[in-house]
Amino acid sequence: MPKKGKKAKVPLTDEEQLLLFQQKLLAEEEAAKKKERLLTQFLKDKLAKEEHNSALNLNKINTQWRTVLREVKTRELLKDIEILSQTFERVVDCKDGVIKI
């Protein structure tokens, strides 16, 4: 007496084997296409994220660079002001000397 749940294997005809083979091929193709779509979407998302991060980092670098340039320019201007102030004082002292003579 055969056990329950087991079916007797019936040999498949050539047509049935061909149909089964075609179904397997279609299933494999669909799986490959799905995998390719997922990979493409993943790469697109990753690229978008990298572009976003690149833009942010470029903005940070530009901001820091401008800060450094401002500091340097500030030092240069302060030095120029000090030199001009000393020159002005000398000119004023010379004119005071001429006036007192």
PDB file of N, CA and C in Angstrom:
ATOM      1  N   MET A   1       0.842  -1.157   0.000  1.00  0.00           N
ATOM      2  CA  MET A   1       0.000   0.000   0.000  1.00  0.00           C
ATOM      3  C   MET A   1       0.899   1.235   0.000  1.00  0.00           C
ATOM      4  N   PRO A   2       0.692   2.168  -0.957  1.00  0.00           N
ATOM      5  CA  PRO A   2       1.534   3.353  -1.034  1.00  0.00           C
ATOM      6  C   PRO A   2       1.229   4.304   0.119  1.00  0.00           C
ATOM      7  N   LYS A   3       2.284   5.046   0.529  1.00  0.00           N
ATOM      8  CA  LYS A   3       2.113   6.008   1.626  1.00  0.00           C
ATOM      9  C   LYS A   3       1.354   7.219   1.114  1.00  0.00           C
ATOM     10  N   LYS A   4       0.650   7.867   2.036  1.00  0.00           N
ATOM     11  CA  LYS A   4      -0.114   9.058   1.681  1.00  0.00           C
ATOM     12  C   LYS A   4       0.848  10.216   1.377  1.00  0.00           C
ATOM     13  N   GLY A   5       0.459  11.060   0.449  1.00  0.00           N
ATOM     14  CA  GLY A   5       1.243  12.244   0.119  1.00  0.00           C
ATOM     15  C   GLY A   5       2.256  11.976  -0.976  1.00  0.00           C
ATOM     16  N   LYS A   6       2.518  10.762  -1.300  1.00  0.00           N
ATOM     17  CA  LYS A   6       3.465  10.469  -2.366  1.00  0.00           C
ATOM     18  C   LYS A   6       2.682  10.151  -3.623  1.00  0.00           C
ATOM     19  N   LYS A   7       3.134  10.738  -4.705  1.00  0.00           N
ATOM     20  CA  LYS A   7       2.490  10.474  -5.985  1.00  0.00           C
ATOM     21  C   LYS A   7       3.409   9.594  -6.800  1.00  0.00           C
ATOM     22  N   ALA A   8       2.826   8.810  -7.571  1.00  0.00           N
ATOM     23  CA  ALA A   8       3.632   7.974  -8.451  1.00  0.00           C
ATOM     24  C   ALA A   8       4.176   8.856  -9.562  1.00  0.00           C
ATOM     25  N   LYS A   9       5.454   8.669  -9.875  1.00  0.00           N
ATOM     26  CA  LYS A   9       6.069   9.461 -10.929  1.00  0.00           C
ATOM     27  C   LYS A   9       5.620   8.949 -12.274  1.00  0.00           C
ATOM     28  N   VAL A  10       5.045   9.871 -13.021  1.00  0.00           N
ATOM     29  CA  VAL A  10       4.597   9.539 -14.367  1.00  0.00           C
ATOM     30  C   VAL A  10       5.615  10.155 -15.321  1.00  0.00           C
ATOM     31  N   PRO A  11       6.132   9.374 -16.245  1.00  0.00           N
ATOM     32  CA  PRO A  11       7.110   9.945 -17.165  1.00  0.00           C
ATOM     33  C   PRO A  11       6.472  11.062 -17.997  1.00  0.00           C
ATOM     34  N   LEU A  12       7.250  12.152 -18.179  1.00  0.00           N
ATOM     35  CA  LEU A  12       6.761  13.302 -18.930  1.00  0.00           C
ATOM     36  C   LEU A  12       6.985  13.067 -20.418  1.00  0.00           C
ATOM     37  N   THR A  13       6.065  13.603 -21.177  1.00  0.00           N
ATOM     38  CA  THR A  13       6.226  13.503 -22.630  1.00  0.00           C
ATOM     39  C   THR A  13       7.249  14.539 -23.076  1.00  0.00           C
ATOM     40  N   ASP A  14       7.689  14.448 -24.292  1.00  0.00           N
ATOM     41  CA  ASP A  14       8.665  15.392 -24.827  1.00  0.00           C
ATOM     42  C   ASP A  14       8.122  16.818 -24.790  1.00  0.00           C
ATOM     43  N   GLU A  15       6.855  16.980 -25.122  1.00  0.00           N
ATOM     44  CA  GLU A  15       6.239  18.303 -25.111  1.00  0.00           C
ATOM     45  C   GLU A  15       6.198  18.877 -23.701  1.00  0.00           C
ATOM     46  N   GLU A  16       5.851  18.042 -22.748  1.00  0.00           N
ATOM     47  CA  GLU A  16       5.795  18.489 -21.359  1.00  0.00           C
ATOM     48  C   GLU A  16       7.188  18.860 -20.854  1.00  0.00           C
ATOM     49  N   GLN A  17       8.181  18.077 -21.228  1.00  0.00           N
ATOM     50  CA  GLN A  17       9.555  18.386 -20.834  1.00  0.00           C
ATOM     51  C   GLN A  17      10.003  19.712 -21.458  1.00  0.00           C
ATOM     52  N   LEU A  18       9.637  19.922 -22.706  1.00  0.00           N
ATOM     53  CA  LEU A  18       9.979  21.158 -23.393  1.00  0.00           C
ATOM     54  C   LEU A  18       9.309  22.347 -22.719  1.00  0.00           C
ATOM     55  N   LEU A  19       8.027  22.207 -22.397  1.00  0.00           N
ATOM     56  CA  LEU A  19       7.307  23.282 -21.708  1.00  0.00           C
ATOM     57  C   LEU A  19       7.929  23.574 -20.337  1.00  0.00           C
ATOM     58  N   LEU A  20       8.266  22.524 -19.603  1.00  0.00           N
ATOM     59  CA  LEU A  20       8.890  22.686 -18.292  1.00  0.00           C
ATOM     60  C   LEU A  20      10.235  23.403 -18.423  1.00  0.00           C
ATOM     61  N   PHE A  21      11.009  23.019 -19.418  1.00  0.00           N
ATOM     62  CA  PHE A  21      12.310  23.645 -19.674  1.00  0.00           C
ATOM     63  C   PHE A  21      12.139  25.122 -20.042  1.00  0.00           C
ATOM     64  N   GLN A  22      11.134  25.429 -20.877  1.00  0.00           N
ATOM     65  CA  GLN A  22      10.878  26.819 -21.265  1.00  0.00           C
ATOM     66  C   GLN A  22      10.438  27.649 -20.065  1.00  0.00           C
ATOM     67  N   GLN A  23       9.618  27.055 -19.199  1.00  0.00           N
ATOM     68  CA  GLN A  23       9.179  27.763 -17.991  1.00  0.00           C
ATOM     69  C   GLN A  23      10.366  28.073 -17.081  1.00  0.00           C
ATOM     70  N   LYS A  24      11.268  27.100 -16.964  1.00  0.00           N
ATOM     71  CA  LYS A  24      12.456  27.325 -16.135  1.00  0.00           C
ATOM     72  C   LYS A  24      13.312  28.442 -16.728  1.00  0.00           C
ATOM     73  N   LEU A  25      13.479  28.443 -18.049  1.00  0.00           N
ATOM     74  CA  LEU A  25      14.258  29.489 -18.708  1.00  0.00           C
ATOM     75  C   LEU A  25      13.625  30.864 -18.491  1.00  0.00           C
ATOM     76  N   LEU A  26      12.307  30.929 -18.658  1.00  0.00           N
ATOM     77  CA  LEU A  26      11.613  32.202 -18.434  1.00  0.00           C
ATOM     78  C   LEU A  26      11.764  32.674 -16.994  1.00  0.00           C
ATOM     79  N   ALA A  27      11.650  31.743 -16.058  1.00  0.00           N
ATOM     80  CA  ALA A  27      11.792  32.101 -14.649  1.00  0.00           C
ATOM     81  C   ALA A  27      13.210  32.616 -14.368  1.00  0.00           C
ATOM     82  N   GLU A  28      14.206  31.957 -14.961  1.00  0.00           N
ATOM     83  CA  GLU A  28      15.590  32.392 -14.771  1.00  0.00           C
ATOM     84  C   GLU A  28      15.823  33.774 -15.386  1.00  0.00           C
ATOM     85  N   GLU A  29      15.257  33.996 -16.575  1.00  0.00           N
ATOM     86  CA  GLU A  29      15.390  35.296 -17.224  1.00  0.00           C
ATOM     87  C   GLU A  29      14.745  36.393 -16.395  1.00  0.00           C
ATOM     88  N   GLU A  30      13.563  36.121 -15.870  1.00  0.00           N
ATOM     89  CA  GLU A  30      12.866  37.102 -15.031  1.00  0.00           C
ATOM     90  C   GLU A  30      13.674  37.392 -13.770  1.00  0.00           C
ATOM     91  N   ALA A  31      14.231  36.353 -13.171  1.00  0.00           N
ATOM     92  CA  ALA A  31      15.046  36.543 -11.967  1.00  0.00           C
ATOM     93  C   ALA A  31      16.281  37.386 -12.302  1.00  0.00           C
ATOM     94  N   ALA A  32      16.906  37.127 -13.443  1.00  0.00           N
ATOM     95  CA  ALA A  32      18.085  37.892 -13.845  1.00  0.00           C
ATOM     96  C   ALA A  32      17.718  39.353 -14.102  1.00  0.00           C
ATOM     97  N   LYS A  33      16.572  39.585 -14.761  1.00  0.00           N
ATOM     98  CA  LYS A  33      16.127  40.953 -15.027  1.00  0.00           C
ATOM     99  C   LYS A  33      15.818  41.684 -13.720  1.00  0.00           C
ATOM    100  N   LYS A  34      15.176  40.990 -12.803  1.00  0.00           N
ATOM    101  CA  LYS A  34      14.844  41.590 -11.514  1.00  0.00           C
ATOM    102  C   LYS A  34      16.119  41.946 -10.759  1.00  0.00           C
ATOM    103  N   LYS A  35      17.077  41.026 -10.781  1.00  0.00           N
ATOM    104  CA  LYS A  35      18.350  41.268 -10.106  1.00  0.00           C
ATOM    105  C   LYS A  35      19.066  42.465 -10.737  1.00  0.00           C
ATOM    106  N   GLU A  36      19.025  42.542 -12.058  1.00  0.00           N
ATOM    107  CA  GLU A  36      19.664  43.654 -12.767  1.00  0.00           C
ATOM    108  C   GLU A  36      18.981  44.976 -12.426  1.00  0.00           C
ATOM    109  N   ARG A  37      17.639  44.963 -12.371  1.00  0.00           N
ATOM    110  CA  ARG A  37      16.910  46.183 -12.008  1.00  0.00           C
ATOM    111  C   ARG A  37      17.266  46.623 -10.591  1.00  0.00           C
ATOM    112  N   LEU A  38      17.331  45.674  -9.665  1.00  0.00           N
ATOM    113  CA  LEU A  38      17.685  46.004  -8.287  1.00  0.00           C
ATOM    114  C   LEU A  38      19.094  46.583  -8.209  1.00  0.00           C
ATOM    115  N   LEU A  39      20.014  45.973  -8.918  1.00  0.00           N
ATOM    116  CA  LEU A  39      21.392  46.447  -8.924  1.00  0.00           C
ATOM    117  C   LEU A  39      21.485  47.843  -9.536  1.00  0.00           C
ATOM    118  N   THR A  40      20.768  48.057 -10.629  1.00  0.00           N
ATOM    119  CA  THR A  40      20.763  49.369 -11.277  1.00  0.00           C
ATOM    120  C   THR A  40      20.199  50.424 -10.331  1.00  0.00           C
ATOM    121  N   GLN A  41      19.106  50.117  -9.667  1.00  0.00           N
ATOM    122  CA  GLN A  41      18.503  51.064  -8.728  1.00  0.00           C
ATOM    123  C   GLN A  41      19.444  51.349  -7.569  1.00  0.00           C
ATOM    124  N   PHE A  42      20.095  50.298  -7.059  1.00  0.00           N
ATOM    125  CA  PHE A  42      21.053  50.464  -5.964  1.00  0.00           C
ATOM    126  C   PHE A  42      22.189  51.397  -6.384  1.00  0.00           C
ATOM    127  N   LEU A  43      22.715  51.175  -7.583  1.00  0.00           N
ATOM    128  CA  LEU A  43      23.822  52.002  -8.065  1.00  0.00           C
ATOM    129  C   LEU A  43      23.378  53.447  -8.300  1.00  0.00           C
ATOM    130  N   LYS A  44      22.150  53.628  -8.811  1.00  0.00           N
ATOM    131  CA  LYS A  44      21.629  54.983  -9.005  1.00  0.00           C
ATOM    132  C   LYS A  44      21.493  55.695  -7.664  1.00  0.00           C
ATOM    133  N   ASP A  45      20.966  54.986  -6.667  1.00  0.00           N
ATOM    134  CA  ASP A  45      20.824  55.576  -5.333  1.00  0.00           C
ATOM    135  C   ASP A  45      22.189  55.926  -4.745  1.00  0.00           C
ATOM    136  N   LYS A  46      23.125  55.024  -4.916  1.00  0.00           N
ATOM    137  CA  LYS A  46      24.474  55.255  -4.391  1.00  0.00           C
ATOM    138  C   LYS A  46      25.120  56.456  -5.083  1.00  0.00           C
ATOM    139  N   LEU A  47      24.949  56.555  -6.390  1.00  0.00           N
ATOM    140  CA  LEU A  47      25.501  57.687  -7.139  1.00  0.00           C
ATOM    141  C   LEU A  47      24.880  59.002  -6.676  1.00  0.00           C
ATOM    142  N   ALA A  48      23.571  59.001  -6.487  1.00  0.00           N
ATOM    143  CA  ALA A  48      22.889  60.221  -6.024  1.00  0.00           C
ATOM    144  C   ALA A  48      23.409  60.623  -4.641  1.00  0.00           C
ATOM    145  N   LYS A  49      23.591  59.652  -3.778  1.00  0.00           N
ATOM    146  CA  LYS A  49      24.105  59.933  -2.436  1.00  0.00           C
ATOM    147  C   LYS A  49      25.527  60.490  -2.521  1.00  0.00           C
ATOM    148  N   GLU A  50      26.354  59.895  -3.354  1.00  0.00           N
ATOM    149  CA  GLU A  50      27.738  60.374  -3.514  1.00  0.00           C
ATOM    150  C   GLU A  50      27.769  61.791  -4.076  1.00  0.00           C
ATOM    151  N   GLU A  51      26.913  62.083  -5.047  1.00  0.00           N
ATOM    152  CA  GLU A  51      26.856  63.432  -5.617  1.00  0.00           C
ATOM    153  C   GLU A  51      26.423  64.442  -4.554  1.00  0.00           C
ATOM    154  N   HIS A  52      25.448  64.048  -3.749  1.00  0.00           N
ATOM    155  CA  HIS A  52      24.978  64.926  -2.677  1.00  0.00           C
ATOM    156  C   HIS A  52      26.102  65.187  -1.675  1.00  0.00           C
ATOM    157  N   ASN A  53      26.798  64.109  -1.262  1.00  0.00           N
ATOM    158  CA  ASN A  53      27.897  64.259  -0.312  1.00  0.00           C
ATOM    159  C   ASN A  53      29.041  65.079  -0.909  1.00  0.00           C
ATOM    160  N   SER A  54      29.300  64.896  -2.191  1.00  0.00           N
ATOM    161  CA  SER A  54      30.353  65.673  -2.851  1.00  0.00           C
ATOM    162  C   SER A  54      30.012  67.160  -2.836  1.00  0.00           C
ATOM    163  N   ALA A  55      28.771  67.468  -3.120  1.00  0.00           N
ATOM    164  CA  ALA A  55      28.344  68.870  -3.108  1.00  0.00           C
ATOM    165  C   ALA A  55      28.487  69.463  -1.705  1.00  0.00           C
ATOM    166  N   LEU A  56      28.089  68.715  -0.691  1.00  0.00           N
ATOM    167  CA  LEU A  56      28.213  69.206   0.685  1.00  0.00           C
ATOM    168  C   LEU A  56      29.676  69.412   1.061  1.00  0.00           C
ATOM    169  N   ASN A  57      30.518  68.443   0.726  1.00  0.00           N
ATOM    170  CA  ASN A  57      31.933  68.547   1.075  1.00  0.00           C
ATOM    171  C   ASN A  57      32.608  69.693   0.329  1.00  0.00           C
ATOM    172  N   LEU A  58      32.232  69.888  -0.925  1.00  0.00           N
ATOM    173  CA  LEU A  58      32.786  71.008  -1.685  1.00  0.00           C
ATOM    174  C   LEU A  58      32.389  72.333  -1.044  1.00  0.00           C
ATOM    175  N   ASN A  59      31.155  72.416  -0.592  1.00  0.00           N
ATOM    176  CA  ASN A  59      30.680  73.620   0.089  1.00  0.00           C
ATOM    177  C   ASN A  59      31.470  73.856   1.376  1.00  0.00           C
ATOM    178  N   LYS A  60      31.722  72.786   2.139  1.00  0.00           N
ATOM    179  CA  LYS A  60      32.504  72.919   3.374  1.00  0.00           C
ATOM    180  C   LYS A  60      33.922  73.397   3.075  1.00  0.00           C
ATOM    181  N   ILE A  61      34.533  72.809   2.053  1.00  0.00           N
ATOM    182  CA  ILE A  61      35.900  73.188   1.693  1.00  0.00           C
ATOM    183  C   ILE A  61      35.942  74.656   1.261  1.00  0.00           C
ATOM    184  N   ASN A  62      34.991  75.066   0.435  1.00  0.00           N
ATOM    185  CA  ASN A  62      34.944  76.465  -0.005  1.00  0.00           C
ATOM    186  C   ASN A  62      34.770  77.414   1.186  1.00  0.00           C
ATOM    187  N   THR A  63      33.921  77.047   2.114  1.00  0.00           N
ATOM    188  CA  THR A  63      33.688  77.876   3.296  1.00  0.00           C
ATOM    189  C   THR A  63      34.964  78.003   4.123  1.00  0.00           C
ATOM    190  N   GLN A  64      35.639  76.866   4.337  1.00  0.00           N
ATOM    191  CA  GLN A  64      36.881  76.902   5.113  1.00  0.00           C
ATOM    192  C   GLN A  64      37.960  77.707   4.388  1.00  0.00           C
ATOM    193  N   TRP A  65      38.041  77.555   3.080  1.00  0.00           N
ATOM    194  CA  TRP A  65      39.030  78.282   2.298  1.00  0.00           C
ATOM    195  C   TRP A  65      38.779  79.785   2.379  1.00  0.00           C
ATOM    196  N   ARG A  66      37.528  80.180   2.265  1.00  0.00           N
ATOM    197  CA  ARG A  66      37.197  81.609   2.368  1.00  0.00           C
ATOM    198  C   ARG A  66      37.545  82.156   3.750  1.00  0.00           C
ATOM    199  N   THR A  67      37.312  81.347   4.785  1.00  0.00           N
ATOM    200  CA  THR A  67      37.652  81.755   6.144  1.00  0.00           C
ATOM    201  C   THR A  67      39.157  81.996   6.269  1.00  0.00           C
ATOM    202  N   VAL A  68      39.940  81.071   5.729  1.00  0.00           N
ATOM    203  CA  VAL A  68      41.395  81.224   5.779  1.00  0.00           C
ATOM    204  C   VAL A  68      41.827  82.477   5.017  1.00  0.00           C
ATOM    205  N   LEU A  69      41.256  82.675   3.828  1.00  0.00           N
ATOM    206  CA  LEU A  69      41.610  83.867   3.049  1.00  0.00           C
ATOM    207  C   LEU A  69      41.235  85.150   3.778  1.00  0.00           C
ATOM    208  N   ARG A  70      40.083  85.157   4.443  1.00  0.00           N
ATOM    209  CA  ARG A  70      39.668  86.341   5.199  1.00  0.00           C
ATOM    210  C   ARG A  70      40.653  86.634   6.334  1.00  0.00           C
ATOM    211  N   GLU A  71      41.085  85.588   7.022  1.00  0.00           N
ATOM    212  CA  GLU A  71      42.025  85.777   8.121  1.00  0.00           C
ATOM    213  C   GLU A  71      43.343  86.366   7.601  1.00  0.00           C
ATOM    214  N   VAL A  72      43.829  85.834   6.495  1.00  0.00           N
ATOM    215  CA  VAL A  72      45.075  86.338   5.917  1.00  0.00           C
ATOM    216  C   VAL A  72      44.900  87.784   5.482  1.00  0.00           C
ATOM    217  N   LYS A  73      43.811  88.062   4.800  1.00  0.00           N
ATOM    218  CA  LYS A  73      43.554  89.428   4.324  1.00  0.00           C
ATOM    219  C   LYS A  73      43.417  90.391   5.504  1.00  0.00           C
ATOM    220  N   THR A  74      42.789  89.927   6.583  1.00  0.00           N
ATOM    221  CA  THR A  74      42.636  90.759   7.777  1.00  0.00           C
ATOM    222  C   THR A  74      44.000  91.108   8.350  1.00  0.00           C
ATOM    223  N   ARG A  75      44.903  90.117   8.454  1.00  0.00           N
ATOM    224  CA  ARG A  75      46.255  90.376   8.959  1.00  0.00           C
ATOM    225  C   ARG A  75      46.988  91.373   8.062  1.00  0.00           C
ATOM    226  N   GLU A  76      46.855  91.193   6.745  1.00  0.00           N
ATOM    227  CA  GLU A  76      47.512  92.107   5.804  1.00  0.00           C
ATOM    228  C   GLU A  76      46.984  93.536   5.966  1.00  0.00           C
ATOM    229  N   LEU A  77      45.670  93.659   6.080  1.00  0.00           N
ATOM    230  CA  LEU A  77      45.075  94.985   6.226  1.00  0.00           C
ATOM    231  C   LEU A  77      45.478  95.642   7.548  1.00  0.00           C
ATOM    232  N   LEU A  78      45.527  94.856   8.616  1.00  0.00           N
ATOM    233  CA  LEU A  78      45.949  95.410   9.903  1.00  0.00           C
ATOM    234  C   LEU A  78      47.403  95.893   9.832  1.00  0.00           C
ATOM    235  N   LYS A  79      48.247  95.128   9.158  1.00  0.00           N
ATOM    236  CA  LYS A  79      49.647  95.533   8.986  1.00  0.00           C
ATOM    237  C   LYS A  79      49.729  96.826   8.174  1.00  0.00           C
ATOM    238  N   ASP A  80      48.942  96.896   7.086  1.00  0.00           N
ATOM    239  CA  ASP A  80      48.918  98.116   6.268  1.00  0.00           C
ATOM    240  C   ASP A  80      48.436  99.324   7.078  1.00  0.00           C
ATOM    241  N   ILE A  81      47.409  99.117   7.882  1.00  0.00           N
ATOM    242  CA  ILE A  81      46.880 100.207   8.713  1.00  0.00           C
ATOM    243  C   ILE A  81      47.941 100.676   9.700  1.00  0.00           C
ATOM    244  N   GLU A  82      48.657  99.737  10.288  1.00  0.00           N
ATOM    245  CA  GLU A  82      49.706 100.108  11.242  1.00  0.00           C
ATOM    246  C   GLU A  82      50.806 100.917  10.545  1.00  0.00           C
ATOM    247  N   ILE A  83      51.220 100.465   9.354  1.00  0.00           N
ATOM    248  CA  ILE A  83      52.247 101.192   8.600  1.00  0.00           C
ATOM    249  C   ILE A  83      51.757 102.588   8.225  1.00  0.00           C
ATOM    250  N   LEU A  84      50.531 102.671   7.738  1.00  0.00           N
ATOM    251  CA  LEU A  84      49.967 103.973   7.366  1.00  0.00           C
ATOM    252  C   LEU A  84      49.834 104.897   8.582  1.00  0.00           C
ATOM    253  N   SER A  85      49.464 104.298   9.699  1.00  0.00           N
ATOM    254  CA  SER A  85      49.337 105.093  10.927  1.00  0.00           C
ATOM    255  C   SER A  85      50.699 105.658  11.335  1.00  0.00           C
ATOM    256  N   GLN A  86      51.741 104.829  11.267  1.00  0.00           N
ATOM    257  CA  GLN A  86      53.092 105.300  11.606  1.00  0.00           C
ATOM    258  C   GLN A  86      53.551 106.391  10.629  1.00  0.00           C
ATOM    259  N   THR A  87      53.274 106.180   9.349  1.00  0.00           N
ATOM    260  CA  THR A  87      53.642 107.170   8.343  1.00  0.00           C
ATOM    261  C   THR A  87      52.918 108.487   8.601  1.00  0.00           C
ATOM    262  N   PHE A  88      51.645 108.382   8.920  1.00  0.00           N
ATOM    263  CA  PHE A  88      50.861 109.591   9.220  1.00  0.00           C
ATOM    264  C   PHE A  88      51.445 110.324  10.431  1.00  0.00           C
ATOM    265  N   GLU A  89      51.793 109.574  11.452  1.00  0.00           N
ATOM    266  CA  GLU A  89      52.368 110.186  12.651  1.00  0.00           C
ATOM    267  C   GLU A  89      53.676 110.903  12.315  1.00  0.00           C
ATOM    268  N   ARG A  90      54.523 110.309  11.456  1.00  0.00           N
ATOM    269  CA  ARG A  90      55.775 110.948  11.067  1.00  0.00           C
ATOM    270  C   ARG A  90      55.510 112.247  10.305  1.00  0.00           C
ATOM    271  N   VAL A  91      54.543 112.178   9.385  1.00  0.00           N
ATOM    272  CA  VAL A  91      54.209 113.378   8.604  1.00  0.00           C
ATOM    273  C   VAL A  91      53.688 114.473   9.525  1.00  0.00           C
ATOM    274  N   VAL A  92      52.822 114.103  10.462  1.00  0.00           N
ATOM    275  CA  VAL A  92      52.273 115.081  11.410  1.00  0.00           C
ATOM    276  C   VAL A  92      53.402 115.659  12.258  1.00  0.00           C
ATOM    277  N   ASP A  93      54.326 114.798  12.710  1.00  0.00           N
ATOM    278  CA  ASP A  93      55.459 115.286  13.526  1.00  0.00           C
ATOM    279  C   ASP A  93      56.328 116.256  12.715  1.00  0.00           C
ATOM    280  N   CYS A  94      56.565 115.928  11.430  1.00  0.00           N
ATOM    281  CA  CYS A  94      57.353 116.824  10.569  1.00  0.00           C
ATOM    282  C   CYS A  94      56.672 118.174  10.418  1.00  0.00           C
ATOM    283  N   LYS A  95      55.376 118.156  10.202  1.00  0.00           N
ATOM    284  CA  LYS A  95      54.627 119.397  10.009  1.00  0.00           C
ATOM    285  C   LYS A  95      54.583 120.190  11.317  1.00  0.00           C
ATOM    286  N   ASP A  96      54.453 119.488  12.435  1.00  0.00           N
ATOM    287  CA  ASP A  96      54.491 120.175  13.726  1.00  0.00           C
ATOM    288  C   ASP A  96      55.857 120.837  13.926  1.00  0.00           C
ATOM    289  N   GLY A  97      56.894 120.123  13.524  1.00  0.00           N
ATOM    290  CA  GLY A  97      58.247 120.686  13.639  1.00  0.00           C
ATOM    291  C   GLY A  97      58.415 121.923  12.780  1.00  0.00           C
ATOM    292  N   VAL A  98      57.846 121.900  11.564  1.00  0.00           N
ATOM    293  CA  VAL A  98      57.922 123.055  10.677  1.00  0.00           C
ATOM    294  C   VAL A  98      57.128 124.214  11.253  1.00  0.00           C
ATOM    295  N   ILE A  99      55.981 123.911  11.822  1.00  0.00           N
ATOM    296  CA  ILE A  99      55.133 124.960  12.389  1.00  0.00           C
ATOM    297  C   ILE A  99      55.810 125.592  13.605  1.00  0.00           C
ATOM    298  N   LYS A 100      56.496 124.812  14.428  1.00  0.00           N
ATOM    299  CA  LYS A 100      57.127 125.318  15.643  1.00  0.00           C
ATOM    300  C   LYS A 100      58.375 126.125  15.333  1.00  0.00           C
ATOM    301  N   ILE A 101      58.954 125.940  14.185  1.00  0.00           N
ATOM    302  CA  ILE A 101      60.172 126.670  13.849  1.00  0.00           C
ATOM    303  C   ILE A 101      59.860 128.068  13.502  1.00  0.00           C
TER     304      ILE A 101
END
